Amino acid sequence: MPEAVRNKRLLFVAPPYFGHVNQMLVLAGELAHRGFCVAFAGADLFRDRITRAGVSFLRWEPEDAMP
């Protein structure tokens, strides 16, 4: 794997809706497969789906960001 790819880190963030997560997860999984360090911030509802794609999961619920 080229050095330029190995050092790249990507973070995907999506609201907790299947239509948003599923679309972004295809790209996130492909980039992880190609050697990029990929994490996906999303709701616990999607934890299994995200980790099965080979992407690191970070818990983020939209209400966590609300004052």
Protein backbone atom coordinates (compact mmCIF):
# COMPACT_ATOMS: atom_id res chain seq x y z
CA MET A 1 0.00 0.00 0.00
CA PRO A 2 1.43 3.41 -0.92
CA GLU A 3 2.58 5.64 1.95
CA ALA A 4 0.21 8.40 0.79
CA VAL A 5 -2.79 6.11 1.31
CA ARG A 6 -1.67 4.58 4.59
CA ASN A 7 -1.41 8.00 6.26
CA LYS A 8 -4.83 9.29 5.17
CA ARG A 9 -7.58 9.40 7.78
CA LEU A 10 -11.20 9.91 6.87
CA LEU A 11 -14.23 10.50 9.05
CA PHE A 12 -17.77 10.03 7.80
CA VAL A 13 -20.66 11.52 9.76
CA ALA A 14 -24.30 10.91 8.88
CA PRO A 15 -27.64 11.60 10.50
CA PRO A 16 -29.31 8.43 11.81
CA TYR A 17 -31.34 7.58 8.70
CA PHE A 18 -30.82 4.47 6.60
CA GLY A 19 -30.81 6.43 3.35
CA HIS A 20 -27.93 8.59 4.53
CA VAL A 21 -25.87 5.90 6.25
CA ASN A 22 -26.22 3.24 3.56
CA GLN A 23 -25.07 5.57 0.78
CA MET A 24 -22.03 6.83 2.69
CA LEU A 25 -21.13 3.40 4.03
CA VAL A 26 -20.55 2.04 0.53
CA LEU A 27 -17.87 4.66 -0.05
CA ALA A 28 -16.42 4.36 3.47
CA GLY A 29 -16.12 0.57 3.13
CA GLU A 30 -14.44 0.82 -0.26
CA LEU A 31 -11.90 3.33 1.01
CA ALA A 32 -11.17 1.16 4.07
CA HIS A 33 -10.70 -1.82 1.74
CA ARG A 34 -8.18 0.24 -0.27
CA GLY A 35 -6.12 0.90 2.86
CA PHE A 36 -7.36 4.24 4.12
CA CYS A 37 -7.93 4.65 7.87
CA VAL A 38 -11.71 5.21 7.95
CA ALA A 39 -14.04 5.92 10.85
CA PHE A 40 -17.78 6.50 10.76
CA ALA A 41 -19.58 8.54 13.43
CA GLY A 42 -23.16 7.43 13.75
CA ALA A 43 -25.97 6.18 15.94
CA ASP A 44 -25.67 2.90 17.86
CA LEU A 45 -28.44 1.59 15.60
CA PHE A 46 -25.87 1.33 12.80
CA ARG A 47 -22.88 0.00 14.80
CA ASP A 48 -23.01 -3.56 13.42
CA ARG A 49 -23.57 -2.43 9.84
CA ILE A 50 -20.61 -0.04 10.02
CA THR A 51 -18.17 -2.48 11.62
CA ARG A 52 -19.14 -5.24 9.17
CA ALA A 53 -18.03 -2.90 6.38
CA GLY A 54 -14.54 -2.83 7.93
CA VAL A 55 -14.91 0.72 9.20
CA SER A 56 -14.22 1.93 12.74
CA PHE A 57 -17.34 3.01 14.62
CA LEU A 58 -17.61 6.18 16.71
CA ARG A 59 -20.85 6.70 18.62
CA TRP A 60 -22.54 9.99 17.76
CA GLU A 61 -26.17 10.76 18.35
CA PRO A 62 -27.38 14.08 16.86
CA GLU A 63 -28.84 15.14 20.21
CA ASP A 64 -25.31 14.85 21.69
CA ALA A 65 -24.41 17.96 19.71
CA MET A 66 -27.45 19.95 20.81
CA PRO A 67 -27.17 22.32 23.79
